C-alpha atoms as a PDB file:
ATOM      1  CA  MET A   1       1.041   7.958  34.171  1.00  0.00           C
ATOM      2  CA  SER A   2       2.250   4.485  33.244  1.00  0.00           C
ATOM      3  CA  GLY A   3       2.354   1.944  30.449  1.00  0.00           C
ATOM      4  CA  PHE A   4       1.491   3.068  26.959  1.00  0.00           C
ATOM      5  CA  ASP A   5       0.061   6.381  28.206  1.00  0.00           C
ATOM      6  CA  LYS A   6       3.609   7.732  28.437  1.00  0.00           C
ATOM      7  CA  ILE A   7       4.231   7.026  24.759  1.00  0.00           C
ATOM      8  CA  GLN A   8       0.887   8.530  23.713  1.00  0.00           C
ATOM      9  CA  SER A   9       1.555  11.623  25.798  1.00  0.00           C
ATOM     10  CA  ARG A  10       5.048  11.915  24.341  1.00  0.00           C
ATOM     11  CA  GLU A  11       3.716  11.755  20.765  1.00  0.00           C
ATOM     12  CA  ALA A  12       0.816  14.143  21.356  1.00  0.00           C
ATOM     13  CA  GLY A  13       0.515  17.436  19.506  1.00  0.00           C
ATOM     14  CA  LEU A  14      -0.571  16.418  16.008  1.00  0.00           C
ATOM     15  CA  HIS A  15      -3.868  17.782  14.695  1.00  0.00           C
ATOM     16  CA  LYS A  16      -6.683  15.228  14.560  1.00  0.00           C
ATOM     17  CA  LYS A  17      -8.278  16.256  11.264  1.00  0.00           C
ATOM     18  CA  LEU A  18      -8.680  13.018   9.268  1.00  0.00           C
ATOM     19  CA  THR A  19     -12.263  11.847   8.809  1.00  0.00           C
ATOM     20  CA  ALA A  20     -13.409   8.223   8.655  1.00  0.00           C
ATOM     21  CA  GLY A  21     -14.019   8.558   4.906  1.00  0.00           C
ATOM     22  CA  GLN A  22     -10.514   9.877   4.324  1.00  0.00           C
ATOM     23  CA  MET A  23      -9.073   7.095   6.468  1.00  0.00           C
ATOM     24  CA  GLY A  24     -10.855   4.479   4.376  1.00  0.00           C
ATOM     25  CA  MET A  25      -9.653   5.997   1.110  1.00  0.00           C
ATOM     26  CA  ILE A  26      -6.093   6.324   2.444  1.00  0.00           C
ATOM     27  CA  ALA A  27      -6.032   2.633   3.279  1.00  0.00           C
ATOM     28  CA  ILE A  28      -7.544   1.417   0.013  1.00  0.00           C
ATOM     29  CA  GLY A  29      -5.558   3.942  -2.022  1.00  0.00           C
ATOM     30  CA  GLY A  30      -2.293   2.736  -0.559  1.00  0.00           C
ATOM     31  CA  ALA A  31      -3.017  -0.832  -1.632  1.00  0.00           C
ATOM     32  CA  ILE A  32      -4.165   0.030  -5.172  1.00  0.00           C
ATOM     33  CA  GLY A  33      -1.087   1.176  -7.020  1.00  0.00           C
ATOM     34  CA  THR A  34       1.423   0.226  -9.657  1.00  0.00           C
ATOM     35  CA  GLY A  35       1.630  -3.208  -8.018  1.00  0.00           C
ATOM     36  CA  LEU A  36      -1.849  -3.971  -9.359  1.00  0.00           C
ATOM     37  CA  PHE A  37      -1.775  -2.116 -12.682  1.00  0.00           C
ATOM     38  CA  LEU A  38       1.728  -3.152 -13.736  1.00  0.00           C
ATOM     39  CA  GLY A  39       3.001  -5.731 -11.218  1.00  0.00           C
ATOM     40  CA  SER A  40       0.137  -8.116 -11.937  1.00  0.00           C
ATOM     41  CA  LYS A  41       1.742  -8.841 -15.317  1.00  0.00           C
ATOM     42  CA  PHE A  42       4.749 -10.409 -13.580  1.00  0.00           C
ATOM     43  CA  ALA A  43       2.511 -12.416 -11.246  1.00  0.00           C
ATOM     44  CA  ILE A  44       0.590 -13.789 -14.230  1.00  0.00           C
ATOM     45  CA  GLY A  45       3.888 -14.677 -15.890  1.00  0.00           C
ATOM     46  CA  PHE A  46       4.839 -16.839 -12.912  1.00  0.00           C
ATOM     47  CA  ALA A  47       1.440 -18.350 -12.032  1.00  0.00           C
ATOM     48  CA  GLY A  48      -0.675 -18.183 -15.208  1.00  0.00           C
ATOM     49  CA  PRO A  49      -4.439 -18.181 -14.542  1.00  0.00           C
ATOM     50  CA  GLY A  50      -3.587 -19.499 -11.060  1.00  0.00           C
ATOM     51  CA  VAL A  51      -2.605 -15.911 -10.210  1.00  0.00           C
ATOM     52  CA  VAL A  52      -6.098 -15.614  -8.725  1.00  0.00           C
ATOM     53  CA  ILE A  53      -5.131 -18.202  -6.096  1.00  0.00           C
ATOM     54  CA  SER A  54      -1.904 -16.278  -5.450  1.00  0.00           C
ATOM     55  CA  TYR A  55      -3.816 -13.091  -4.728  1.00  0.00           C
ATOM     56  CA  VAL A  56      -6.329 -14.953  -2.553  1.00  0.00           C
ATOM     57  CA  ILE A  57      -3.482 -16.295  -0.392  1.00  0.00           C
ATOM     58  CA  GLY A  58      -1.833 -12.863  -0.305  1.00  0.00           C
ATOM     59  CA  GLY A  59      -5.181 -11.324   0.629  1.00  0.00           C
ATOM     60  CA  VAL A  60      -5.622 -13.737   3.538  1.00  0.00           C
ATOM     61  CA  ILE A  61      -2.145 -12.837   4.819  1.00  0.00           C
ATOM     62  CA  ALA A  62      -2.993  -9.131   4.514  1.00  0.00           C
ATOM     63  CA  LEU A  63      -6.319  -9.761   6.298  1.00  0.00           C
ATOM     64  CA  LEU A  64      -4.616 -11.454   9.251  1.00  0.00           C
ATOM     65  CA  LEU A  65      -1.971  -8.752   9.466  1.00  0.00           C
ATOM     66  CA  MET A  66      -4.472  -5.917   9.271  1.00  0.00           C
ATOM     67  CA  GLY A  67      -6.820  -7.597  11.748  1.00  0.00           C
ATOM     68  CA  CYS A  68      -4.081  -7.777  14.380  1.00  0.00           C
ATOM     69  CA  LEU A  69      -2.830  -4.286  13.616  1.00  0.00           C
ATOM     70  CA  ALA A  70      -6.345  -2.824  13.711  1.00  0.00           C
ATOM     71  CA  GLU A  71      -6.981  -4.311  17.156  1.00  0.00           C
ATOM     72  CA  MET A  72      -3.737  -2.848  18.498  1.00  0.00           C
ATOM     73  CA  THR A  73      -4.477   0.499  16.842  1.00  0.00           C
ATOM     74  CA  VAL A  74      -7.931   0.688  18.421  1.00  0.00           C
ATOM     75  CA  GLN A  75      -6.346   0.036  21.818  1.00  0.00           C
ATOM     76  CA  HIS A  76      -3.296   2.299  21.279  1.00  0.00           C
ATOM     77  CA  SER A  77      -3.790   4.960  18.607  1.00  0.00           C
ATOM     78  CA  THR A  78      -0.599   6.952  18.014  1.00  0.00           C
ATOM     79  CA  SER A  79       1.462   8.015  15.006  1.00  0.00           C
ATOM     80  CA  GLY A  80       4.339   5.804  16.169  1.00  0.00           C
ATOM     81  CA  SER A  81       2.038   2.826  15.513  1.00  0.00           C
ATOM     82  CA  PHE A  82       3.857  -0.521  15.299  1.00  0.00           C
ATOM     83  CA  GLY A  83       7.131   1.165  16.236  1.00  0.00           C
ATOM     84  CA  ALA A  84       5.547   2.369  19.469  1.00  0.00           C
ATOM     85  CA  TYR A  85       4.065  -1.105  20.067  1.00  0.00           C
ATOM     86  CA  ALA A  86       7.514  -2.678  19.665  1.00  0.00           C
ATOM     87  CA  GLU A  87       8.920  -0.172  22.160  1.00  0.00           C
ATOM     88  CA  HIS A  88       6.185  -0.839  24.706  1.00  0.00           C
ATOM     89  CA  TYR A  89       5.870  -4.623  24.459  1.00  0.00           C
ATOM     90  CA  ILE A  90       9.463  -5.621  23.627  1.00  0.00           C
ATOM     91  CA  SER A  91      12.034  -2.906  24.325  1.00  0.00           C
ATOM     92  CA  PRO A  92      12.922   0.683  23.393  1.00  0.00           C
ATOM     93  CA  LEU A  93      15.689  -0.672  21.157  1.00  0.00           C
ATOM     94  CA  ALA A  94      13.161  -2.775  19.246  1.00  0.00           C
ATOM     95  CA  GLY A  95      10.938   0.288  18.881  1.00  0.00           C
ATOM     96  CA  PHE A  96      13.844   2.299  17.485  1.00  0.00           C
ATOM     97  CA  LEU A  97      14.820  -0.416  14.992  1.00  0.00           C
ATOM     98  CA  VAL A  98      11.233  -0.910  13.772  1.00  0.00           C
ATOM     99  CA  ARG A  99      10.662   2.816  13.325  1.00  0.00           C
ATOM    100  CA  TYR A 100      14.007   3.489  11.683  1.00  0.00           C
ATOM    101  CA  GLY A 101      13.870   0.408   9.441  1.00  0.00           C
ATOM    102  CA  TYR A 102      10.379   1.274   8.221  1.00  0.00           C
ATOM    103  CA  TRP A 103      11.242   4.959   7.750  1.00  0.00           C
ATOM    104  CA  SER A 104      14.391   4.208   5.740  1.00  0.00           C
ATOM    105  CA  SER A 105      12.595   1.775   3.429  1.00  0.00           C
ATOM    106  CA  ILE A 106       9.781   4.281   2.796  1.00  0.00           C
ATOM    107  CA  VAL A 107      12.219   7.126   2.100  1.00  0.00           C
ATOM    108  CA  LEU A 108      14.038   5.024  -0.487  1.00  0.00           C
ATOM    109  CA  ALA A 109      10.721   4.017  -2.069  1.00  0.00           C
ATOM    110  CA  VAL A 110       9.666   7.660  -2.507  1.00  0.00           C
ATOM    111  CA  GLY A 111      12.520   8.138  -4.952  1.00  0.00           C
ATOM    112  CA  THR A 112      11.422   5.161  -7.052  1.00  0.00           C
ATOM    113  CA  GLU A 113       7.846   6.462  -7.272  1.00  0.00           C
ATOM    114  CA  VAL A 114       8.735   9.977  -8.426  1.00  0.00           C
ATOM    115  CA  THR A 115      11.261   8.536 -10.898  1.00  0.00           C
ATOM    116  CA  ALA A 116       8.510   6.261 -12.235  1.00  0.00           C
ATOM    117  CA  VAL A 117       6.214   9.275 -12.674  1.00  0.00           C
ATOM    118  CA  ALA A 118       8.908  11.019 -14.740  1.00  0.00           C
ATOM    119  CA  GLU A 119       9.234   7.900 -16.914  1.00  0.00           C
ATOM    120  CA  TYR A 120       5.459   7.679 -17.427  1.00  0.00           C
ATOM    121  CA  MET A 121       5.296  11.369 -18.423  1.00  0.00           C
ATOM    122  CA  LYS A 122       7.699  10.630 -21.288  1.00  0.00           C
ATOM    123  CA  PHE A 123       4.817   8.790 -22.955  1.00  0.00           C
ATOM    124  CA  TRP A 124       3.231  12.194 -23.698  1.00  0.00           C
ATOM    125  CA  PHE A 125       6.289  14.471 -23.515  1.00  0.00           C
ATOM    126  CA  PRO A 126       9.253  12.434 -24.764  1.00  0.00           C
ATOM    127  CA  GLY A 127      11.504  15.472 -25.180  1.00  0.00           C
ATOM    128  CA  MET A 128      11.047  16.870 -21.662  1.00  0.00           C
ATOM    129  CA  PRO A 129      13.935  16.212 -19.208  1.00  0.00           C
ATOM    130  CA  ALA A 130      12.999  13.879 -16.364  1.00  0.00           C
ATOM    131  CA  TRP A 131      14.277  16.272 -13.683  1.00  0.00           C
ATOM    132  CA  VAL A 132      11.546  18.789 -14.563  1.00  0.00           C
ATOM    133  CA  TRP A 133       8.813  16.328 -13.590  1.00  0.00           C
ATOM    134  CA  ILE A 134      10.738  15.089 -10.546  1.00  0.00           C
ATOM    135  CA  VAL A 135      11.215  18.601  -9.170  1.00  0.00           C
ATOM    136  CA  GLY A 136       7.697  19.734 -10.063  1.00  0.00           C
ATOM    137  CA  PHE A 137       5.760  16.812  -8.614  1.00  0.00           C
ATOM    138  CA  SER A 138       8.049  16.557  -5.584  1.00  0.00           C
ATOM    139  CA  GLY A 139       7.597  20.243  -4.777  1.00  0.00           C
ATOM    140  CA  ALA A 140       3.826  20.033  -5.163  1.00  0.00           C
ATOM    141  CA  LEU A 141       3.381  17.010  -2.894  1.00  0.00           C
ATOM    142  CA  ILE A 142       5.859  18.261  -0.287  1.00  0.00           C
ATOM    143  CA  GLY A 143       3.851  21.496  -0.223  1.00  0.00           C
ATOM    144  CA  VAL A 144       0.601  19.575   0.296  1.00  0.00           C
ATOM    145  CA  ASN A 145       2.061  17.562   3.167  1.00  0.00           C
ATOM    146  CA  ALA A 146       3.655  20.626   4.756  1.00  0.00           C
ATOM    147  CA  TYR A 147       0.436  22.648   4.618  1.00  0.00           C
ATOM    148  CA  SER A 148      -1.752  20.481   6.852  1.00  0.00           C
ATOM    149  CA  VAL A 149      -2.848  16.914   7.464  1.00  0.00           C
ATOM    150  CA  LYS A 150      -6.311  17.871   6.249  1.00  0.00           C
ATOM    151  CA  ALA A 151      -4.828  18.929   2.904  1.00  0.00           C
ATOM    152  CA  PHE A 152      -2.995  15.614   2.680  1.00  0.00           C
ATOM    153  CA  GLY A 153      -6.208  13.720   3.473  1.00  0.00           C
ATOM    154  CA  SER A 154      -8.176  15.615   0.827  1.00  0.00           C
ATOM    155  CA  VAL A 155      -5.577  15.124  -1.912  1.00  0.00           C
ATOM    156  CA  GLU A 156      -5.126  11.452  -1.079  1.00  0.00           C
ATOM    157  CA  TYR A 157      -8.904  10.981  -1.006  1.00  0.00           C
ATOM    158  CA  TRP A 158      -9.235  12.186  -4.603  1.00  0.00           C
ATOM    159  CA  PHE A 159      -6.171  10.288  -5.769  1.00  0.00           C
ATOM    160  CA  SER A 160      -7.667   7.119  -4.321  1.00  0.00           C
ATOM    161  CA  ALA A 161     -11.129   7.894  -5.667  1.00  0.00           C
ATOM    162  CA  THR A 162      -9.664   8.203  -9.176  1.00  0.00           C
ATOM    163  CA  LYS A 163      -8.025   4.776  -8.902  1.00  0.00           C
ATOM    164  CA  VAL A 164     -11.174   3.213  -7.473  1.00  0.00           C
ATOM    165  CA  PHE A 165     -13.298   4.728 -10.244  1.00  0.00           C
ATOM    166  CA  ALA A 166     -10.895   3.382 -12.879  1.00  0.00           C
ATOM    167  CA  ILE A 167     -11.040  -0.158 -11.507  1.00  0.00           C
ATOM    168  CA  VAL A 168     -14.825  -0.092 -11.132  1.00  0.00           C
ATOM    169  CA  ALA A 169     -15.158   1.127 -14.734  1.00  0.00           C
ATOM    170  CA  PHE A 170     -12.811  -1.631 -15.909  1.00  0.00           C
ATOM    171  CA  ILE A 171     -14.775  -4.301 -14.010  1.00  0.00           C
ATOM    172  CA  LEU A 172     -18.108  -3.127 -15.442  1.00  0.00           C
ATOM    173  CA  LEU A 173     -16.634  -3.022 -18.952  1.00  0.00           C
ATOM    174  CA  ALA A 174     -15.116  -6.484 -18.595  1.00  0.00           C
ATOM    175  CA  LEU A 175     -18.350  -7.948 -17.220  1.00  0.00           C
ATOM    176  CA  GLY A 176     -20.289  -6.434 -20.126  1.00  0.00           C
ATOM    177  CA  VAL A 177     -17.907  -7.980 -22.656  1.00  0.00           C
ATOM    178  CA  LEU A 178     -17.835 -11.333 -20.836  1.00  0.00           C
ATOM    179  CA  PHE A 179     -21.595 -11.758 -20.709  1.00  0.00           C
ATOM    180  CA  GLY A 180     -22.286  -9.990 -23.980  1.00  0.00           C
ATOM    181  CA  SER A 181     -20.042 -11.583 -26.586  1.00  0.00           C
ATOM    182  CA  TYR A 182     -17.945 -14.350 -25.022  1.00  0.00           C
ATOM    183  CA  GLN A 183     -18.831 -18.016 -25.264  1.00  0.00           C
ATOM    184  CA  THR A 184     -18.340 -20.337 -22.311  1.00  0.00           C
ATOM    185  CA  SER A 185     -15.930 -22.443 -24.351  1.00  0.00           C
ATOM    186  CA  THR A 186     -13.757 -19.376 -25.007  1.00  0.00           C
ATOM    187  CA  VAL A 187     -13.536 -18.560 -21.293  1.00  0.00           C
ATOM    188  CA  VAL A 188     -12.725 -22.171 -20.395  1.00  0.00           C
ATOM    189  CA  GLY A 189     -10.083 -22.247 -23.124  1.00  0.00           C
ATOM    190  CA  ASN A 190      -8.437 -19.084 -21.802  1.00  0.00           C
ATOM    191  CA  LEU A 191      -8.280 -20.604 -18.307  1.00  0.00           C
ATOM    192  CA  THR A 192      -7.074 -24.091 -19.238  1.00  0.00           C
ATOM    193  CA  SER A 193      -5.040 -23.782 -22.462  1.00  0.00           C
ATOM    194  CA  ASP A 194      -1.291 -23.167 -22.602  1.00  0.00           C
ATOM    195  CA  GLY A 195      -0.420 -25.521 -19.762  1.00  0.00           C
ATOM    196  CA  GLY A 196      -3.685 -25.557 -17.817  1.00  0.00           C
ATOM    197  CA  PHE A 197      -4.917 -23.469 -14.919  1.00  0.00           C
ATOM    198  CA  LEU A 198      -1.605 -23.972 -13.067  1.00  0.00           C
ATOM    199  CA  PRO A 199       0.961 -24.057 -15.896  1.00  0.00           C
ATOM    200  CA  PHE A 200       3.903 -23.854 -13.467  1.00  0.00           C
ATOM    201  CA  GLY A 201       2.305 -25.814 -10.637  1.00  0.00           C
ATOM    202  CA  TRP A 202       2.125 -24.665  -7.037  1.00  0.00           C
ATOM    203  CA  ARG A 203       5.656 -23.322  -7.205  1.00  0.00           C
ATOM    204  CA  GLY A 204       4.432 -20.674  -9.627  1.00  0.00           C
ATOM    205  CA  VAL A 205       1.452 -19.926  -7.401  1.00  0.00           C
ATOM    206  CA  TRP A 206       3.687 -19.310  -4.370  1.00  0.00           C
ATOM    207  CA  THR A 207       5.982 -17.102  -6.427  1.00  0.00           C
ATOM    208  CA  GLY A 208       2.893 -15.131  -7.377  1.00  0.00           C
ATOM    209  CA  VAL A 209       2.031 -14.836  -3.672  1.00  0.00           C
ATOM    210  CA  ILE A 210       5.271 -12.905  -3.095  1.00  0.00           C
ATOM    211  CA  ILE A 211       4.333 -10.428  -5.830  1.00  0.00           C
ATOM    212  CA  SER A 212       0.781 -10.153  -4.493  1.00  0.00           C
ATOM    213  CA  ILE A 213       2.039  -9.304  -1.009  1.00  0.00           C
ATOM    214  CA  PHE A 214       4.102  -6.511  -2.538  1.00  0.00           C
ATOM    215  CA  SER A 215       0.896  -5.245  -4.167  1.00  0.00           C
ATOM    216  CA  TYR A 216      -0.929  -5.213  -0.817  1.00  0.00           C
ATOM    217  CA  PHE A 217       1.782  -3.097   0.829  1.00  0.00           C
ATOM    218  CA  SER A 218       0.763   0.274   2.297  1.00  0.00           C
ATOM    219  CA  ILE A 219      -2.550  -0.840   3.784  1.00  0.00           C
ATOM    220  CA  GLU A 220      -0.726  -0.524   7.112  1.00  0.00           C
ATOM    221  CA  MET A 221      -0.850   3.268   6.654  1.00  0.00           C
ATOM    222  CA  ILE A 222      -4.203   3.274   8.373  1.00  0.00           C
ATOM    223  CA  ALA A 223      -2.482   2.434  11.659  1.00  0.00           C
ATOM    224  CA  VAL A 224      -0.145   5.434  11.367  1.00  0.00           C
ATOM    225  CA  ALA A 225      -2.921   7.773  10.219  1.00  0.00           C
ATOM    226  CA  ALA A 226      -5.062   6.751  13.219  1.00  0.00           C
ATOM    227  CA  GLY A 227      -2.959   9.056  15.382  1.00  0.00           C
ATOM    228  CA  GLU A 228      -4.485  12.009  13.510  1.00  0.00           C
ATOM    229  CA  ALA A 229      -8.038  10.733  13.060  1.00  0.00           C
ATOM    230  CA  GLU A 230     -10.946  12.660  14.562  1.00  0.00           C
ATOM    231  CA  HIS A 231     -12.418   9.507  16.096  1.00  0.00           C
ATOM    232  CA  PRO A 232      -9.650   6.873  15.831  1.00  0.00           C
ATOM    233  CA  LYS A 233     -11.506   3.863  17.229  1.00  0.00           C
ATOM    234  CA  GLN A 234     -14.531   4.212  14.964  1.00  0.00           C
ATOM    235  CA  ALA A 235     -12.416   5.287  11.967  1.00  0.00           C
ATOM    236  CA  VAL A 236     -10.036   2.335  12.223  1.00  0.00           C
ATOM    237  CA  ARG A 237     -12.840  -0.212  12.553  1.00  0.00           C
ATOM    238  CA  SER A 238     -14.836   1.118   9.610  1.00  0.00           C
ATOM    239  CA  ALA A 239     -11.747   1.643   7.434  1.00  0.00           C
ATOM    240  CA  PHE A 240     -10.499  -1.895   8.156  1.00  0.00           C
ATOM    241  CA  LYS A 241     -13.818  -3.496   7.182  1.00  0.00           C
ATOM    242  CA  ALA A 242     -14.171  -1.365   4.059  1.00  0.00           C
ATOM    243  CA  THR A 243     -10.574  -2.007   2.989  1.00  0.00           C
ATOM    244  CA  ILE A 244     -10.856  -5.785   3.179  1.00  0.00           C
ATOM    245  CA  ALA A 245     -14.130  -5.824   1.228  1.00  0.00           C
ATOM    246  CA  ARG A 246     -12.858  -3.468  -1.463  1.00  0.00           C
ATOM    247  CA  LEU A 247      -9.562  -5.281  -1.887  1.00  0.00           C
ATOM    248  CA  ALA A 248     -11.402  -8.560  -2.387  1.00  0.00           C
ATOM    249  CA  ILE A 249     -13.573  -6.987  -5.079  1.00  0.00           C
ATOM    250  CA  PHE A 250     -10.964  -4.872  -6.850  1.00  0.00           C
ATOM    251  CA  TYR A 251      -8.058  -7.314  -6.850  1.00  0.00           C
ATOM    252  CA  LEU A 252      -9.689 -10.706  -7.133  1.00  0.00           C
ATOM    253  CA  LEU A 253     -12.561  -9.761  -9.438  1.00  0.00           C
ATOM    254  CA  SER A 254     -10.445  -7.674 -11.807  1.00  0.00           C
ATOM    255  CA  LEU A 255      -7.707 -10.335 -12.083  1.00  0.00           C
ATOM    256  CA  SER A 256     -10.301 -13.101 -12.558  1.00  0.00           C
ATOM    257  CA  LEU A 257     -11.888 -11.156 -15.410  1.00  0.00           C
ATOM    258  CA  ILE A 258      -8.494 -10.487 -17.007  1.00  0.00           C
ATOM    259  CA  VAL A 259      -7.474 -14.165 -17.196  1.00  0.00           C
ATOM    260  CA  MET A 260     -10.964 -15.156 -18.395  1.00  0.00           C
ATOM    261  CA  LEU A 261     -11.017 -12.626 -21.231  1.00  0.00           C
ATOM    262  CA  VAL A 262      -7.459 -13.010 -22.591  1.00  0.00           C
ATOM    263  CA  PRO A 263      -5.097 -16.041 -22.737  1.00  0.00           C
ATOM    264  CA  TRP A 264      -2.418 -15.621 -20.099  1.00  0.00           C
ATOM    265  CA  LYS A 265       0.469 -15.943 -22.559  1.00  0.00           C
ATOM    266  CA  THR A 266      -0.927 -12.993 -24.506  1.00  0.00           C
ATOM    267  CA  LEU A 267      -0.973 -10.944 -21.293  1.00  0.00           C
ATOM    268  CA  VAL A 268       2.752 -11.479 -20.687  1.00  0.00           C
ATOM    269  CA  ALA A 269       3.945 -11.413 -24.307  1.00  0.00           C
ATOM    270  CA  PRO A 270       6.939  -9.173 -25.122  1.00  0.00           C
ATOM    271  CA  GLY A 271       5.866  -5.612 -25.820  1.00  0.00           C
ATOM    272  CA  THR A 272       2.827  -5.637 -23.532  1.00  0.00           C
ATOM    273  CA  THR A 273       2.776  -3.133 -20.675  1.00  0.00           C
ATOM    274  CA  SER A 274      -0.144  -3.998 -18.422  1.00  0.00           C
ATOM    275  CA  PRO A 275      -2.833  -6.701 -18.417  1.00  0.00           C
ATOM    276  CA  PHE A 276      -5.419  -3.924 -18.097  1.00  0.00           C
ATOM    277  CA  VAL A 277      -4.213  -2.273 -21.306  1.00  0.00           C
ATOM    278  CA  THR A 278      -4.112  -5.611 -23.120  1.00  0.00           C
ATOM    279  CA  VAL A 279      -7.741  -6.324 -22.198  1.00  0.00           C
ATOM    280  CA  MET A 280      -8.936  -2.837 -23.163  1.00  0.00           C
ATOM    281  CA  GLN A 281      -7.108  -2.999 -26.484  1.00  0.00           C
ATOM    282  CA  GLY A 282      -8.581  -6.446 -27.091  1.00  0.00           C
ATOM    283  CA  VAL A 283     -12.149  -5.177 -26.704  1.00  0.00           C
ATOM    284  CA  GLY A 284     -11.480  -2.138 -28.873  1.00  0.00           C
ATOM    285  CA  ILE A 285     -11.278   0.696 -26.326  1.00  0.00           C
ATOM    286  CA  PRO A 286      -9.619   3.695 -28.051  1.00  0.00           C
ATOM    287  CA  TYR A 287      -6.632   5.352 -26.378  1.00  0.00           C
ATOM    288  CA  ALA A 288      -6.383   2.495 -23.874  1.00  0.00           C
ATOM    289  CA  ASP A 289      -2.652   3.049 -23.400  1.00  0.00           C
ATOM    290  CA  SER A 290      -3.126   6.768 -22.686  1.00  0.00           C
ATOM    291  CA  ILE A 291      -5.948   6.087 -20.246  1.00  0.00           C
ATOM    292  CA  LEU A 292      -3.900   3.588 -18.283  1.00  0.00           C
ATOM    293  CA  ASN A 293      -0.831   5.832 -18.386  1.00  0.00           C
ATOM    294  CA  PHE A 294      -2.877   8.524 -16.653  1.00  0.00           C
ATOM    295  CA  ILE A 295      -4.161   6.061 -14.053  1.00  0.00           C
ATOM    296  CA  VAL A 296      -0.664   4.728 -13.355  1.00  0.00           C
ATOM    297  CA  ILE A 297       0.652   8.283 -12.909  1.00  0.00           C
ATOM    298  CA  VAL A 298      -2.138   8.966 -10.408  1.00  0.00           C
ATOM    299  CA  ALA A 299      -1.324   5.684  -8.638  1.00  0.00           C
ATOM    300  CA  ALA A 300       2.378   6.579  -8.394  1.00  0.00           C
ATOM    301  CA  LEU A 301       1.624  10.113  -7.163  1.00  0.00           C
ATOM    302  CA  SER A 302      -0.788   8.680  -4.606  1.00  0.00           C
ATOM    303  CA  ALA A 303       1.849   6.260  -3.372  1.00  0.00           C
ATOM    304  CA  MET A 304       4.424   9.054  -3.193  1.00  0.00           C
ATOM    305  CA  ASN A 305       2.015  11.323  -1.313  1.00  0.00           C
ATOM    306  CA  SER A 306       1.271   8.569   1.213  1.00  0.00           C
ATOM    307  CA  MET A 307       4.957   7.711   1.625  1.00  0.00           C
ATOM    308  CA  LEU A 308       5.837  11.339   2.327  1.00  0.00           C
ATOM    309  CA  TYR A 309       3.126  11.427   4.980  1.00  0.00           C
ATOM    310  CA  ILE A 310       4.033   8.173   6.678  1.00  0.00           C
ATOM    311  CA  SER A 311       7.791   8.840   6.627  1.00  0.00           C
ATOM    312  CA  THR A 312       7.365  12.197   8.358  1.00  0.00           C
ATOM    313  CA  ARG A 313       5.165  10.609  11.047  1.00  0.00           C
ATOM    314  CA  MET A 314       7.736   7.895  11.714  1.00  0.00           C
ATOM    315  CA  LEU A 315      10.451  10.542  11.889  1.00  0.00           C
ATOM    316  CA  PHE A 316       8.266  12.520  14.293  1.00  0.00           C
ATOM    317  CA  SER A 317       7.895   9.441  16.483  1.00  0.00           C
ATOM    318  CA  LEU A 318      11.647   8.833  16.388  1.00  0.00           C
ATOM    319  CA  ALA A 319      12.320  12.435  17.395  1.00  0.00           C
ATOM    320  CA  ARG A 320       9.862  12.298  20.290  1.00  0.00           C
ATOM    321  CA  ALA A 321      11.512   9.098  21.551  1.00  0.00           C
ATOM    322  CA  ARG A 322      14.666  11.232  22.060  1.00  0.00           C
ATOM    323  CA  GLY A 323      17.166   8.395  21.784  1.00  0.00           C
ATOM    324  CA  ARG A 324      15.512   5.984  24.217  1.00  0.00           C
ATOM    325  CA  LEU A 325      17.115   2.834  22.893  1.00  0.00           C
ATOM    326  CA  CYS A 326      17.803   0.731  25.953  1.00  0.00           C
ATOM    327  CA  TRP A 327      16.339   2.284  29.075  1.00  0.00           C
ATOM    328  CA  GLY A 328      12.768   3.412  29.372  1.00  0.00           C
ATOM    329  CA  THR A 329      13.396   6.064  32.010  1.00  0.00           C
ATOM    330  CA  ARG A 330      15.974   8.384  30.472  1.00  0.00           C
ATOM    331  CA  PRO A 331      17.640   9.078  27.127  1.00  0.00           C
ATOM    332  CA  MET A 332      20.926   7.349  26.416  1.00  0.00           C
ATOM    333  CA  PRO A 333      23.404   7.878  23.589  1.00  0.00           C
ATOM    334  CA  TRP A 334      23.634   5.399  20.724  1.00  0.00           C
ATOM    335  CA  PRO A 335      24.929   2.746  20.594  1.00  0.00           C
ATOM    336  CA  CYS A 336      23.971   1.132  23.854  1.00  0.00           C
ATOM    337  CA  SER A 337      23.626  -2.439  24.993  1.00  0.00           C
ATOM    338  CA  PRO A 338      20.949  -4.416  23.104  1.00  0.00           C
ATOM    339  CA  ILE A 339      20.588  -6.982  25.875  1.00  0.00           C
ATOM    340  CA  THR A 340      17.865  -5.214  27.838  1.00  0.00           C
ATOM    341  CA  TRP A 341      14.964  -7.036  26.164  1.00  0.00           C
ATOM    342  CA  GLY A 342      11.937  -7.670  28.297  1.00  0.00           C
ATOM    343  CA  SER A 343       8.928  -5.940  29.770  1.00  0.00           C
ATOM    344  CA  ALA A 344       8.769  -2.232  30.455  1.00  0.00           C
ATOM    345  CA  ALA A 345       8.458  -2.944  34.169  1.00  0.00           C
ATOM    346  CA  ALA A 346      11.632  -5.077  34.110  1.00  0.00           C
ATOM    347  CA  ARG A 347      13.557  -2.358  32.316  1.00  0.00           C
ATOM    348  CA  SER A 348      12.328   0.192  34.822  1.00  0.00           C
ATOM    349  CA  ARG A 349      13.685  -1.919  37.688  1.00  0.00           C
ATOM    350  CA  GLN A 350      17.036  -2.337  35.911  1.00  0.00           C
ATOM    351  CA  ALA A 351      17.509   1.334  35.113  1.00  0.00           C
ATOM    352  CA  PRO A 352      19.957   3.204  37.353  1.00  0.00           C
END
């Protein structure tokens, strides 16, 4: 056994229970979260109507990243994912740093998501202590993840389906309003008034790109989940194609409709929460704030559920590596010399 087969064999043992449909929903669900429903307000504030260009550029970057990662995942499907690739193609130390850096950032992000859920629940239950929601939702999702990967896939599937349904309903509603009661002059005015289509120039557009990339985060989960897919090669290919198409529709179409229906300064005015709520309130949808609050809670719980899953898989991969930081042939204590960069074959020749 040689090459990447050693890493795959080392990380074997997880149950392959995720279907292609669940893989697709996991990928799209990870990318549709609070970054779209709430973060888009900040992107519009920096870029104005040109936020659409920002999200196009961010989408192209995500497409290139996911294309490369999907190809590597098809060739080497394991839960260690890009951490295992760094170990194999660069050095064991690089693999450790990638895994540990990604795991630590995800673990910290889990806390922000569950805290956000507690804050959103105050909208309906202002007198309830935040710790009640934090403990309750944390216990429920930890239980789901601890039960089985199939349970995680099922819960995440329905979380993602709820978010997808909400965006599709919003797009259909916005299209109906746009073609039913809006004049062309009104749409053009919304796109070009208050400083024009690019009120802050290309600097604002590129600032919006940074926010858009944050919104696209978590689509890389598909590479980690591939290690537990029933048919990883087919699942990764189909999930990658579906994710790119859906992101283009959900992100770009929904944001385009938002800036066409409402002037961008109204979307970012003090007191507004989300561009989606502002649009729904503008067209007279009752309980728009409550509807979006529910969707945002689902989005945050979905993100938390996915982060719990992906952090445990990275920790699993770290544990199976058993401290192989510098030499590929035997465990060594940390810290050890970081100068052994190079191919796996070169490290094998150098090892005592």
